[in-house]
Amino acid sequence: MGNILFLIGLTIIIGLQKTVKFFARREKLKGTAAFAAGILLILLRWPLVGFVVELYGIMVLFGDFLATIAGFAANIPIIGPYIAQALERVSGGRRNAELPV
């Protein structure tokens, strides 16, 4: 349910055309397919497998934003630098590589 609400919220925030354009980009098609397959698997009562597939899709779709999030997370007192370091490792150092909007 949260995944569907996420898609609805994203559409409300950036608009229908930009949402479709983001998910239909050639380099994001693998992530879009994995995200949709994960939602379908969850609805078909395969929650663990669906969650893993969906997580892969989210990483492919939104992995470019992790370095940006790490920049903001670094300003959190005490734990910020650790969060930022972990997010930068996961993202592979791709900071703002072709933002979709």
PDB file of N, CA and C in Angstrom:
ATOM      1  N   MET A   1       0.827  -1.184   0.000  1.00  0.00           N
ATOM      2  CA  MET A   1       0.000   0.000   0.000  1.00  0.00           C
ATOM      3  C   MET A   1       0.877   1.256   0.000  1.00  0.00           C
ATOM      4  N   GLY A   2       1.959   1.222   0.767  1.00  0.00           N
ATOM      5  CA  GLY A   2       2.852   2.369   0.834  1.00  0.00           C
ATOM      6  C   GLY A   2       3.522   2.665  -0.496  1.00  0.00           C
ATOM      7  N   ASN A   3       3.786   1.620  -1.272  1.00  0.00           N
ATOM      8  CA  ASN A   3       4.425   1.803  -2.579  1.00  0.00           C
ATOM      9  C   ASN A   3       3.499   2.529  -3.546  1.00  0.00           C
ATOM     10  N   ILE A   4       2.249   2.163  -3.512  1.00  0.00           N
ATOM     11  CA  ILE A   4       1.274   2.811  -4.384  1.00  0.00           C
ATOM     12  C   ILE A   4       1.087   4.262  -3.956  1.00  0.00           C
ATOM     13  N   LEU A   5       1.033   4.497  -2.656  1.00  0.00           N
ATOM     14  CA  LEU A   5       0.924   5.875  -2.161  1.00  0.00           C
ATOM     15  C   LEU A   5       2.173   6.687  -2.509  1.00  0.00           C
ATOM     16  N   PHE A   6       3.337   6.051  -2.505  1.00  0.00           N
ATOM     17  CA  PHE A   6       4.566   6.721  -2.925  1.00  0.00           C
ATOM     18  C   PHE A   6       4.453   7.186  -4.374  1.00  0.00           C
ATOM     19  N   LEU A   7       3.981   6.321  -5.245  1.00  0.00           N
ATOM     20  CA  LEU A   7       3.828   6.681  -6.657  1.00  0.00           C
ATOM     21  C   LEU A   7       2.805   7.803  -6.840  1.00  0.00           C
ATOM     22  N   ILE A   8       1.706   7.745  -6.090  1.00  0.00           N
ATOM     23  CA  ILE A   8       0.705   8.803  -6.162  1.00  0.00           C
ATOM     24  C   ILE A   8       1.286  10.121  -5.664  1.00  0.00           C
ATOM     25  N   GLY A   9       2.012  10.084  -4.560  1.00  0.00           N
ATOM     26  CA  GLY A   9       2.631  11.299  -4.026  1.00  0.00           C
ATOM     27  C   GLY A   9       3.660  11.890  -4.968  1.00  0.00           C
ATOM     28  N   LEU A  10       4.465  11.050  -5.571  1.00  0.00           N
ATOM     29  CA  LEU A  10       5.459  11.520  -6.533  1.00  0.00           C
ATOM     30  C   LEU A  10       4.784  12.190  -7.725  1.00  0.00           C
ATOM     31  N   THR A  11       3.694  11.597  -8.177  1.00  0.00           N
ATOM     32  CA  THR A  11       2.948  12.166  -9.296  1.00  0.00           C
ATOM     33  C   THR A  11       2.342  13.515  -8.924  1.00  0.00           C
ATOM     34  N   ILE A  12       1.840  13.638  -7.716  1.00  0.00           N
ATOM     35  CA  ILE A  12       1.260  14.912  -7.271  1.00  0.00           C
ATOM     36  C   ILE A  12       2.341  15.979  -7.154  1.00  0.00           C
ATOM     37  N   ILE A  13       3.513  15.606  -6.674  1.00  0.00           N
ATOM     38  CA  ILE A  13       4.576  16.591  -6.450  1.00  0.00           C
ATOM     39  C   ILE A  13       5.203  17.074  -7.757  1.00  0.00           C
ATOM     40  N   ILE A  14       5.579  16.154  -8.652  1.00  0.00           N
ATOM     41  CA  ILE A  14       6.291  16.583  -9.859  1.00  0.00           C
ATOM     42  C   ILE A  14       5.438  16.561 -11.120  1.00  0.00           C
ATOM     43  N   GLY A  15       4.228  16.055 -11.038  1.00  0.00           N
ATOM     44  CA  GLY A  15       3.338  16.041 -12.188  1.00  0.00           C
ATOM     45  C   GLY A  15       3.367  14.717 -12.932  1.00  0.00           C
ATOM     46  N   LEU A  16       2.314  14.473 -13.670  1.00  0.00           N
ATOM     47  CA  LEU A  16       2.162  13.199 -14.373  1.00  0.00           C
ATOM     48  C   LEU A  16       3.190  13.037 -15.493  1.00  0.00           C
ATOM     49  N   GLN A  17       3.400  14.071 -16.277  1.00  0.00           N
ATOM     50  CA  GLN A  17       4.332  13.960 -17.402  1.00  0.00           C
ATOM     51  C   GLN A  17       5.759  13.701 -16.944  1.00  0.00           C
ATOM     52  N   LYS A  18       6.201  14.415 -15.913  1.00  0.00           N
ATOM     53  CA  LYS A  18       7.572  14.209 -15.428  1.00  0.00           C
ATOM     54  C   LYS A  18       7.731  12.856 -14.749  1.00  0.00           C
ATOM     55  N   THR A  19       6.677  12.381 -14.093  1.00  0.00           N
ATOM     56  CA  THR A  19       6.743  11.060 -13.470  1.00  0.00           C
ATOM     57  C   THR A  19       6.886   9.974 -14.536  1.00  0.00           C
ATOM     58  N   VAL A  20       6.054  10.055 -15.567  1.00  0.00           N
ATOM     59  CA  VAL A  20       6.137   9.078 -16.653  1.00  0.00           C
ATOM     60  C   VAL A  20       7.487   9.179 -17.353  1.00  0.00           C
ATOM     61  N   LYS A  21       7.948  10.402 -17.570  1.00  0.00           N
ATOM     62  CA  LYS A  21       9.251  10.610 -18.229  1.00  0.00           C
ATOM     63  C   LYS A  21      10.389  10.013 -17.395  1.00  0.00           C
ATOM     64  N   PHE A  22      10.309  10.162 -16.063  1.00  0.00           N
ATOM     65  CA  PHE A  22      11.347   9.627 -15.184  1.00  0.00           C
ATOM     66  C   PHE A  22      11.379   8.095 -15.243  1.00  0.00           C
ATOM     67  N   PHE A  23      10.213   7.459 -15.102  1.00  0.00           N
ATOM     68  CA  PHE A  23      10.166   6.002 -15.061  1.00  0.00           C
ATOM     69  C   PHE A  23      10.368   5.365 -16.433  1.00  0.00           C
ATOM     70  N   ALA A  24      10.152   6.109 -17.518  1.00  0.00           N
ATOM     71  CA  ALA A  24      10.271   5.553 -18.860  1.00  0.00           C
ATOM     72  C   ALA A  24      11.620   5.835 -19.514  1.00  0.00           C
ATOM     73  N   ARG A  25      12.528   6.481 -18.803  1.00  0.00           N
ATOM     74  CA  ARG A  25      13.853   6.734 -19.375  1.00  0.00           C
ATOM     75  C   ARG A  25      14.552   5.410 -19.663  1.00  0.00           C
ATOM     76  N   ARG A  26      15.286   5.386 -20.759  1.00  0.00           N
ATOM     77  CA  ARG A  26      15.925   4.147 -21.210  1.00  0.00           C
ATOM     78  C   ARG A  26      16.843   3.542 -20.138  1.00  0.00           C
ATOM     79  N   GLU A  27      17.641   4.374 -19.472  1.00  0.00           N
ATOM     80  CA  GLU A  27      18.568   3.843 -18.465  1.00  0.00           C
ATOM     81  C   GLU A  27      17.874   3.449 -17.159  1.00  0.00           C
ATOM     82  N   LYS A  28      16.592   3.821 -17.017  1.00  0.00           N
ATOM     83  CA  LYS A  28      15.847   3.486 -15.805  1.00  0.00           C
ATOM     84  C   LYS A  28      14.836   2.366 -16.018  1.00  0.00           C
ATOM     85  N   LEU A  29      14.747   1.812 -17.224  1.00  0.00           N
ATOM     86  CA  LEU A  29      13.732   0.794 -17.501  1.00  0.00           C
ATOM     87  C   LEU A  29      13.924  -0.473 -16.662  1.00  0.00           C
ATOM     88  N   LYS A  30      15.157  -0.858 -16.425  1.00  0.00           N
ATOM     89  CA  LYS A  30      15.411  -2.041 -15.601  1.00  0.00           C
ATOM     90  C   LYS A  30      14.909  -1.820 -14.170  1.00  0.00           C
ATOM     91  N   GLY A  31      15.156  -0.637 -13.640  1.00  0.00           N
ATOM     92  CA  GLY A  31      14.679  -0.303 -12.300  1.00  0.00           C
ATOM     93  C   GLY A  31      13.170  -0.204 -12.231  1.00  0.00           C
ATOM     94  N   THR A  32      12.569   0.365 -13.269  1.00  0.00           N
ATOM     95  CA  THR A  32      11.109   0.475 -13.318  1.00  0.00           C
ATOM     96  C   THR A  32      10.473  -0.907 -13.361  1.00  0.00           C
ATOM     97  N   ALA A  33      11.021  -1.785 -14.178  1.00  0.00           N
ATOM     98  CA  ALA A  33      10.494  -3.146 -14.278  1.00  0.00           C
ATOM     99  C   ALA A  33      10.638  -3.891 -12.953  1.00  0.00           C
ATOM    100  N   ALA A  34      11.776  -3.733 -12.302  1.00  0.00           N
ATOM    101  CA  ALA A  34      11.993  -4.407 -11.014  1.00  0.00           C
ATOM    102  C   ALA A  34      11.056  -3.846  -9.944  1.00  0.00           C
ATOM    103  N   PHE A  35      10.872  -2.532  -9.925  1.00  0.00           N
ATOM    104  CA  PHE A  35       9.976  -1.906  -8.950  1.00  0.00           C
ATOM    105  C   PHE A  35       8.541  -2.395  -9.149  1.00  0.00           C
ATOM    106  N   ALA A  36       8.083  -2.415 -10.399  1.00  0.00           N
ATOM    107  CA  ALA A  36       6.726  -2.879 -10.694  1.00  0.00           C
ATOM    108  C   ALA A  36       6.574  -4.370 -10.389  1.00  0.00           C
ATOM    109  N   ALA A  37       7.585  -5.160 -10.726  1.00  0.00           N
ATOM    110  CA  ALA A  37       7.535  -6.597 -10.438  1.00  0.00           C
ATOM    111  C   ALA A  37       7.511  -6.847  -8.931  1.00  0.00           C
ATOM    112  N   GLY A  38       8.254  -6.035  -8.178  1.00  0.00           N
ATOM    113  CA  GLY A  38       8.250  -6.172  -6.726  1.00  0.00           C
ATOM    114  C   GLY A  38       6.882  -5.881  -6.131  1.00  0.00           C
ATOM    115  N   ILE A  39       6.228  -4.834  -6.624  1.00  0.00           N
ATOM    116  CA  ILE A  39       4.874  -4.522  -6.145  1.00  0.00           C
ATOM    117  C   ILE A  39       3.929  -5.664  -6.494  1.00  0.00           C
ATOM    118  N   LEU A  40       4.045  -6.176  -7.718  1.00  0.00           N
ATOM    119  CA  LEU A  40       3.185  -7.283  -8.134  1.00  0.00           C
ATOM    120  C   LEU A  40       3.423  -8.526  -7.275  1.00  0.00           C
ATOM    121  N   LEU A  41       4.678  -8.850  -6.993  1.00  0.00           N
ATOM    122  CA  LEU A  41       4.979 -10.014  -6.146  1.00  0.00           C
ATOM    123  C   LEU A  41       4.425  -9.842  -4.733  1.00  0.00           C
ATOM    124  N   ILE A  42       4.490  -8.639  -4.205  1.00  0.00           N
ATOM    125  CA  ILE A  42       3.930  -8.384  -2.877  1.00  0.00           C
ATOM    126  C   ILE A  42       2.416  -8.586  -2.901  1.00  0.00           C
ATOM    127  N   LEU A  43       1.760  -8.085  -3.950  1.00  0.00           N
ATOM    128  CA  LEU A  43       0.314  -8.256  -4.061  1.00  0.00           C
ATOM    129  C   LEU A  43      -0.083  -9.713  -4.285  1.00  0.00           C
ATOM    130  N   LEU A  44       0.817 -10.514  -4.861  1.00  0.00           N
ATOM    131  CA  LEU A  44       0.561 -11.938  -5.079  1.00  0.00           C
ATOM    132  C   LEU A  44       1.004 -12.801  -3.891  1.00  0.00           C
ATOM    133  N   ARG A  45       1.239 -12.160  -2.768  1.00  0.00           N
ATOM    134  CA  ARG A  45       1.582 -12.828  -1.498  1.00  0.00           C
ATOM    135  C   ARG A  45       2.952 -13.491  -1.491  1.00  0.00           C
ATOM    136  N   TRP A  46       3.911 -12.829  -2.123  1.00  0.00           N
ATOM    137  CA  TRP A  46       5.317 -13.214  -2.037  1.00  0.00           C
ATOM    138  C   TRP A  46       6.064 -12.014  -1.470  1.00  0.00           C
ATOM    139  N   PRO A  47       5.818 -11.650  -0.219  1.00  0.00           N
ATOM    140  CA  PRO A  47       6.325 -10.366   0.289  1.00  0.00           C
ATOM    141  C   PRO A  47       7.847 -10.278   0.389  1.00  0.00           C
ATOM    142  N   LEU A  48       8.513 -11.316   0.811  1.00  0.00           N
ATOM    143  CA  LEU A  48       9.964 -11.238   0.983  1.00  0.00           C
ATOM    144  C   LEU A  48      10.670 -11.099  -0.368  1.00  0.00           C
ATOM    145  N   VAL A  49      10.292 -11.938  -1.315  1.00  0.00           N
ATOM    146  CA  VAL A  49      10.887 -11.876  -2.647  1.00  0.00           C
ATOM    147  C   VAL A  49      10.525 -10.543  -3.308  1.00  0.00           C
ATOM    148  N   GLY A  50       9.276 -10.140  -3.162  1.00  0.00           N
ATOM    149  CA  GLY A  50       8.830  -8.871  -3.734  1.00  0.00           C
ATOM    150  C   GLY A  50       9.572  -7.689  -3.161  1.00  0.00           C
ATOM    151  N   PHE A  51       9.827  -7.723  -1.856  1.00  0.00           N
ATOM    152  CA  PHE A  51      10.557  -6.631  -1.221  1.00  0.00           C
ATOM    153  C   PHE A  51      11.984  -6.544  -1.743  1.00  0.00           C
ATOM    154  N   VAL A  52      12.645  -7.663  -1.904  1.00  0.00           N
ATOM    155  CA  VAL A  52      14.025  -7.668  -2.402  1.00  0.00           C
ATOM    156  C   VAL A  52      14.082  -7.162  -3.845  1.00  0.00           C
ATOM    157  N   VAL A  53      13.152  -7.622  -4.680  1.00  0.00           N
ATOM    158  CA  VAL A  53      13.110  -7.175  -6.075  1.00  0.00           C
ATOM    159  C   VAL A  53      12.812  -5.681  -6.136  1.00  0.00           C
ATOM    160  N   GLU A  54      11.874  -5.237  -5.320  1.00  0.00           N
ATOM    161  CA  GLU A  54      11.513  -3.827  -5.284  1.00  0.00           C
ATOM    162  C   GLU A  54      12.662  -2.968  -4.763  1.00  0.00           C
ATOM    163  N   LEU A  55      13.387  -3.446  -3.790  1.00  0.00           N
ATOM    164  CA  LEU A  55      14.543  -2.715  -3.261  1.00  0.00           C
ATOM    165  C   LEU A  55      15.606  -2.541  -4.340  1.00  0.00           C
ATOM    166  N   TYR A  56      15.824  -3.573  -5.136  1.00  0.00           N
ATOM    167  CA  TYR A  56      16.752  -3.457  -6.259  1.00  0.00           C
ATOM    168  C   TYR A  56      16.275  -2.376  -7.235  1.00  0.00           C
ATOM    169  N   GLY A  57      14.994  -2.391  -7.530  1.00  0.00           N
ATOM    170  CA  GLY A  57      14.436  -1.391  -8.432  1.00  0.00           C
ATOM    171  C   GLY A  57      14.587   0.026  -7.896  1.00  0.00           C
ATOM    172  N   ILE A  58      14.380   0.197  -6.614  1.00  0.00           N
ATOM    173  CA  ILE A  58      14.535   1.517  -5.999  1.00  0.00           C
ATOM    174  C   ILE A  58      15.981   1.971  -6.070  1.00  0.00           C
ATOM    175  N   MET A  59      16.916   1.043  -5.850  1.00  0.00           N
ATOM    176  CA  MET A  59      18.330   1.420  -5.925  1.00  0.00           C
ATOM    177  C   MET A  59      18.718   1.837  -7.338  1.00  0.00           C
ATOM    178  N   VAL A  60      18.186   1.155  -8.348  1.00  0.00           N
ATOM    179  CA  VAL A  60      18.491   1.524  -9.732  1.00  0.00           C
ATOM    180  C   VAL A  60      17.841   2.860 -10.071  1.00  0.00           C
ATOM    181  N   LEU A  61      16.594   3.056  -9.642  1.00  0.00           N
ATOM    182  CA  LEU A  61      15.877   4.283  -9.973  1.00  0.00           C
ATOM    183  C   LEU A  61      16.412   5.504  -9.234  1.00  0.00           C
ATOM    184  N   PHE A  62      16.643   5.365  -7.937  1.00  0.00           N
ATOM    185  CA  PHE A  62      16.962   6.520  -7.110  1.00  0.00           C
ATOM    186  C   PHE A  62      18.380   6.503  -6.559  1.00  0.00           C
ATOM    187  N   GLY A  63      19.236   5.623  -7.052  1.00  0.00           N
ATOM    188  CA  GLY A  63      20.612   5.541  -6.573  1.00  0.00           C
ATOM    189  C   GLY A  63      21.400   6.820  -6.804  1.00  0.00           C
ATOM    190  N   ASP A  64      21.047   7.558  -7.860  1.00  0.00           N
ATOM    191  CA  ASP A  64      21.748   8.812  -8.147  1.00  0.00           C
ATOM    192  C   ASP A  64      21.532   9.862  -7.067  1.00  0.00           C
ATOM    193  N   PHE A  65      20.429   9.751  -6.348  1.00  0.00           N
ATOM    194  CA  PHE A  65      20.097  10.753  -5.343  1.00  0.00           C
ATOM    195  C   PHE A  65      20.754  10.481  -3.987  1.00  0.00           C
ATOM    196  N   LEU A  66      21.328   9.305  -3.795  1.00  0.00           N
ATOM    197  CA  LEU A  66      21.887   8.962  -2.488  1.00  0.00           C
ATOM    198  C   LEU A  66      23.047   9.872  -2.093  1.00  0.00           C
ATOM    199  N   ALA A  67      23.862  10.270  -3.042  1.00  0.00           N
ATOM    200  CA  ALA A  67      24.970  11.171  -2.724  1.00  0.00           C
ATOM    201  C   ALA A  67      24.448  12.546  -2.311  1.00  0.00           C
ATOM    202  N   THR A  68      23.368  12.992  -2.930  1.00  0.00           N
ATOM    203  CA  THR A  68      22.754  14.264  -2.549  1.00  0.00           C
ATOM    204  C   THR A  68      22.189  14.173  -1.140  1.00  0.00           C
ATOM    205  N   ILE A  69      21.521  13.077  -0.837  1.00  0.00           N
ATOM    206  CA  ILE A  69      20.981  12.867   0.505  1.00  0.00           C
ATOM    207  C   ILE A  69      22.115  12.800   1.523  1.00  0.00           C
ATOM    208  N   ALA A  70      23.223  12.177   1.134  1.00  0.00           N
ATOM    209  CA  ALA A  70      24.378  12.080   2.039  1.00  0.00           C
ATOM    210  C   ALA A  70      24.913  13.464   2.379  1.00  0.00           C
ATOM    211  N   GLY A  71      24.882  14.387   1.421  1.00  0.00           N
ATOM    212  CA  GLY A  71      25.334  15.751   1.685  1.00  0.00           C
ATOM    213  C   GLY A  71      24.491  16.426   2.746  1.00  0.00           C
ATOM    214  N   PHE A  72      23.187  16.210   2.694  1.00  0.00           N
ATOM    215  CA  PHE A  72      22.305  16.781   3.713  1.00  0.00           C
ATOM    216  C   PHE A  72      22.449  16.041   5.038  1.00  0.00           C
ATOM    217  N   ALA A  73      22.611  14.726   4.987  1.00  0.00           N
ATOM    218  CA  ALA A  73      22.725  13.926   6.210  1.00  0.00           C
ATOM    219  C   ALA A  73      24.004  14.237   6.975  1.00  0.00           C
ATOM    220  N   ALA A  74      25.019  14.708   6.296  1.00  0.00           N
ATOM    221  CA  ALA A  74      26.284  15.020   6.966  1.00  0.00           C
ATOM    222  C   ALA A  74      26.125  16.140   7.983  1.00  0.00           C
ATOM    223  N   ASN A  75      25.083  16.935   7.866  1.00  0.00           N
ATOM    224  CA  ASN A  75      24.861  18.044   8.802  1.00  0.00           C
ATOM    225  C   ASN A  75      24.120  17.645  10.065  1.00  0.00           C
ATOM    226  N   ILE A  76      23.711  16.388  10.176  1.00  0.00           N
ATOM    227  CA  ILE A  76      23.043  15.910  11.380  1.00  0.00           C
ATOM    228  C   ILE A  76      24.093  15.772  12.485  1.00  0.00           C
ATOM    229  N   PRO A  77      23.827  16.329  13.662  1.00  0.00           N
ATOM    230  CA  PRO A  77      24.814  16.240  14.741  1.00  0.00           C
ATOM    231  C   PRO A  77      25.106  14.788  15.140  1.00  0.00           C
ATOM    232  N   ILE A  78      26.321  14.523  15.482  1.00  0.00           N
ATOM    233  CA  ILE A  78      26.872  13.272  16.006  1.00  0.00           C
ATOM    234  C   ILE A  78      26.874  12.135  14.983  1.00  0.00           C
ATOM    235  N   ILE A  79      25.715  11.723  14.480  1.00  0.00           N
ATOM    236  CA  ILE A  79      25.663  10.568  13.581  1.00  0.00           C
ATOM    237  C   ILE A  79      25.704  10.933  12.102  1.00  0.00           C
ATOM    238  N   GLY A  80      25.603  12.201  11.775  1.00  0.00           N
ATOM    239  CA  GLY A  80      25.551  12.643  10.385  1.00  0.00           C
ATOM    240  C   GLY A  80      26.703  12.183   9.522  1.00  0.00           C
ATOM    241  N   PRO A  81      27.943  12.365   9.971  1.00  0.00           N
ATOM    242  CA  PRO A  81      29.068  11.922   9.129  1.00  0.00           C
ATOM    243  C   PRO A  81      29.055  10.421   8.835  1.00  0.00           C
ATOM    244  N   TYR A  82      28.590   9.622   9.768  1.00  0.00           N
ATOM    245  CA  TYR A  82      28.538   8.177   9.557  1.00  0.00           C
ATOM    246  C   TYR A  82      27.463   7.810   8.532  1.00  0.00           C
ATOM    247  N   ILE A  83      26.310   8.463   8.630  1.00  0.00           N
ATOM    248  CA  ILE A  83      25.238   8.231   7.657  1.00  0.00           C
ATOM    249  C   ILE A  83      25.692   8.655   6.269  1.00  0.00           C
ATOM    250  N   ALA A  84      26.314   9.826   6.184  1.00  0.00           N
ATOM    251  CA  ALA A  84      26.781  10.340   4.900  1.00  0.00           C
ATOM    252  C   ALA A  84      27.806   9.400   4.273  1.00  0.00           C
ATOM    253  N   GLN A  85      28.720   8.890   5.083  1.00  0.00           N
ATOM    254  CA  GLN A  85      29.754   7.992   4.576  1.00  0.00           C
ATOM    255  C   GLN A  85      29.127   6.701   4.037  1.00  0.00           C
ATOM    256  N   ALA A  86      28.145   6.153   4.762  1.00  0.00           N
ATOM    257  CA  ALA A  86      27.487   4.923   4.313  1.00  0.00           C
ATOM    258  C   ALA A  86      26.712   5.152   3.015  1.00  0.00           C
ATOM    259  N   LEU A  87      26.011   6.272   2.923  1.00  0.00           N
ATOM    260  CA  LEU A  87      25.245   6.560   1.708  1.00  0.00           C
ATOM    261  C   LEU A  87      26.151   6.801   0.509  1.00  0.00           C
ATOM    262  N   GLU A  88      27.288   7.429   0.722  1.00  0.00           N
ATOM    263  CA  GLU A  88      28.221   7.653  -0.383  1.00  0.00           C
ATOM    264  C   GLU A  88      28.824   6.345  -0.883  1.00  0.00           C
ATOM    265  N   ARG A  89      29.068   5.419   0.025  1.00  0.00           N
ATOM    266  CA  ARG A  89      29.576   4.108  -0.389  1.00  0.00           C
ATOM    267  C   ARG A  89      28.547   3.351  -1.208  1.00  0.00           C
ATOM    268  N   VAL A  90      27.295   3.398  -0.771  1.00  0.00           N
ATOM    269  CA  VAL A  90      26.230   2.683  -1.472  1.00  0.00           C
ATOM    270  C   VAL A  90      25.993   3.275  -2.852  1.00  0.00           C
ATOM    271  N   SER A  91      26.042   4.600  -2.958  1.00  0.00           N
ATOM    272  CA  SER A  91      25.738   5.255  -4.235  1.00  0.00           C
ATOM    273  C   SER A  91      26.890   5.176  -5.220  1.00  0.00           C
ATOM    274  N   GLY A  92      28.068   4.886  -4.776  1.00  0.00           N
ATOM    275  CA  GLY A  92      29.209   4.802  -5.669  1.00  0.00           C
ATOM    276  C   GLY A  92      29.728   6.151  -6.113  1.00  0.00           C
ATOM    277  N   GLY A  93      29.397   7.186  -5.365  1.00  0.00           N
ATOM    278  CA  GLY A  93      29.909   8.519  -5.664  1.00  0.00           C
ATOM    279  C   GLY A  93      29.235   9.229  -6.827  1.00  0.00           C
ATOM    280  N   ARG A  94      28.045   8.782  -7.228  1.00  0.00           N
ATOM    281  CA  ARG A  94      27.327   9.433  -8.327  1.00  0.00           C
ATOM    282  C   ARG A  94      26.517  10.592  -7.777  1.00  0.00           C
ATOM    283  N   ARG A  95      27.068  11.766  -7.771  1.00  0.00           N
ATOM    284  CA  ARG A  95      26.370  12.913  -7.217  1.00  0.00           C
ATOM    285  C   ARG A  95      25.705  13.717  -8.326  1.00  0.00           C
ATOM    286  N   ASN A  96      24.378  13.781  -8.267  1.00  0.00           N
ATOM    287  CA  ASN A  96      23.551  14.546  -9.212  1.00  0.00           C
ATOM    288  C   ASN A  96      23.822  14.183 -10.672  1.00  0.00           C
ATOM    289  N   ALA A  97      24.009  12.926 -10.946  1.00  0.00           N
ATOM    290  CA  ALA A  97      24.251  12.477 -12.311  1.00  0.00           C
ATOM    291  C   ALA A  97      22.928  12.498 -13.084  1.00  0.00           C
ATOM    292  N   GLU A  98      22.702  13.530 -13.841  1.00  0.00           N
ATOM    293  CA  GLU A  98      21.501  13.695 -14.652  1.00  0.00           C
ATOM    294  C   GLU A  98      20.227  13.589 -13.839  1.00  0.00           C
ATOM    295  N   LEU A  99      19.898  14.630 -13.133  1.00  0.00           N
ATOM    296  CA  LEU A  99      18.649  14.653 -12.393  1.00  0.00           C
ATOM    297  C   LEU A  99      17.484  14.646 -13.368  1.00  0.00           C
ATOM    298  N   PRO A 100      16.399  13.924 -13.035  1.00  0.00           N
ATOM    299  CA  PRO A 100      15.310  13.750 -13.983  1.00  0.00           C
ATOM    300  C   PRO A 100      14.423  14.971 -14.167  1.00  0.00           C
ATOM    301  N   VAL A 101      14.405  15.872 -13.230  1.00  0.00           N
ATOM    302  CA  VAL A 101      13.509  17.044 -13.329  1.00  0.00           C
ATOM    303  C   VAL A 101      14.297  18.320 -13.311  1.00  0.00           C
TER     304      VAL A 101
END
